[in-house]
Amino acid sequence: MNAKQQTSIGEVDLFVKFFVSNGKSGMTFEYQSQVKVTVDFSPDLARLSGLRSDETYVTDEDVMSECEPNLLSNICSVYV
């Protein structure tokens, strides 16, 4: 969710933030003592982002993709 979207709906707690560093995508989890957050990716979204579809990412495990994002894949649409 970008800053404009956050402003339009009011204050929101974001548990996962995405970033790009050195051509690879990464994901950090905000610490939430009462909430366990997990993130799974579909095969298409994983291929686009450089992350893995066969892995569940869990709170307290900052993640960097193993490969660069593939934005040229033969993917017609992705729903998040």
Protein backbone atom coordinates (compact mmCIF):
# COMPACT_ATOMS: atom_id res chain seq x y z
CA MET A 1 0.00 0.00 0.00
CA ASN A 2 1.51 3.32 -1.00
CA ALA A 3 1.39 6.54 1.05
CA LYS A 4 -1.54 7.96 -0.91
CA GLN A 5 -3.61 4.81 -0.32
CA GLN A 6 -2.79 4.88 3.40
CA THR A 7 -3.89 8.51 3.67
CA SER A 8 -7.15 7.84 1.85
CA ILE A 9 -8.26 5.15 4.30
CA GLY A 10 -6.82 6.59 7.51
CA GLU A 11 -4.23 5.12 9.83
CA VAL A 12 -3.26 1.55 8.98
CA ASP A 13 -0.78 -0.82 10.59
CA LEU A 14 1.46 -2.26 7.90
CA PHE A 15 2.98 -5.59 8.83
CA VAL A 16 5.04 -6.20 5.68
CA LYS A 17 7.09 -3.72 3.68
CA PHE A 18 8.70 -4.40 0.30
CA PHE A 19 11.86 -2.78 -1.07
CA VAL A 20 14.41 -3.12 -3.87
CA SER A 21 18.15 -3.21 -3.17
CA ASN A 22 20.94 -3.96 -5.64
CA GLY A 23 18.41 -5.11 -8.22
CA LYS A 24 16.77 -7.66 -5.91
CA SER A 25 13.48 -7.38 -4.07
CA GLY A 26 13.21 -7.72 -0.33
CA MET A 27 10.57 -7.90 2.34
CA THR A 28 10.69 -6.85 5.99
CA PHE A 29 8.17 -7.64 8.69
CA GLU A 30 7.25 -5.06 11.30
CA TYR A 31 7.41 -6.51 14.80
CA GLN A 32 3.96 -7.18 16.20
CA SER A 33 3.94 -8.99 19.55
CA GLN A 34 0.31 -10.08 19.22
CA VAL A 35 0.23 -10.95 15.52
CA LYS A 36 2.02 -13.63 13.53
CA VAL A 37 2.19 -12.59 9.89
CA THR A 38 2.85 -14.99 7.02
CA VAL A 39 3.16 -14.25 3.32
CA ASP A 40 2.75 -16.72 0.46
CA PHE A 41 3.21 -15.91 -3.22
CA SER A 42 1.47 -17.43 -6.20
CA PRO A 43 3.89 -18.90 -8.80
CA ASP A 44 3.35 -15.95 -11.16
CA LEU A 45 3.84 -13.28 -8.49
CA ALA A 46 6.89 -15.13 -7.14
CA ARG A 47 8.42 -15.23 -10.63
CA LEU A 48 7.78 -11.51 -11.10
CA SER A 49 9.21 -10.54 -7.69
CA GLY A 50 12.16 -12.93 -7.59
CA LEU A 51 10.82 -14.56 -4.42
CA ARG A 52 9.67 -18.19 -4.00
CA SER A 53 6.18 -19.63 -4.36
CA ASP A 54 7.06 -22.83 -2.48
CA GLU A 55 7.99 -21.03 0.74
CA THR A 56 5.92 -19.37 3.45
CA TYR A 57 7.63 -16.25 4.74
CA VAL A 58 7.08 -15.68 8.47
CA THR A 59 7.33 -12.76 10.93
CA ASP A 60 10.87 -11.92 12.12
CA GLU A 61 12.50 -13.28 8.95
CA ASP A 62 13.60 -10.41 6.72
CA VAL A 63 13.86 -11.71 3.17
CA MET A 64 15.96 -10.91 0.10
CA SER A 65 15.14 -12.57 -3.21
CA GLU A 66 17.62 -15.11 -4.53
CA CYS A 67 17.35 -13.76 -8.05
CA GLU A 68 16.41 -10.50 -9.72
CA PRO A 69 12.74 -9.81 -10.41
CA ASN A 70 11.57 -11.16 -13.77
CA LEU A 71 9.31 -8.51 -15.25
CA LEU A 72 9.47 -10.00 -18.75
CA SER A 73 7.76 -13.31 -17.95
CA ASN A 74 4.88 -14.45 -20.12
CA ILE A 75 2.30 -13.49 -17.49
CA CYS A 76 -0.95 -11.87 -18.58
CA SER A 77 -2.16 -10.64 -15.15
CA VAL A 78 -1.38 -10.93 -11.46
CA TYR A 79 -3.77 -10.35 -8.58
CA VAL A 80 -2.39 -9.37 -5.18
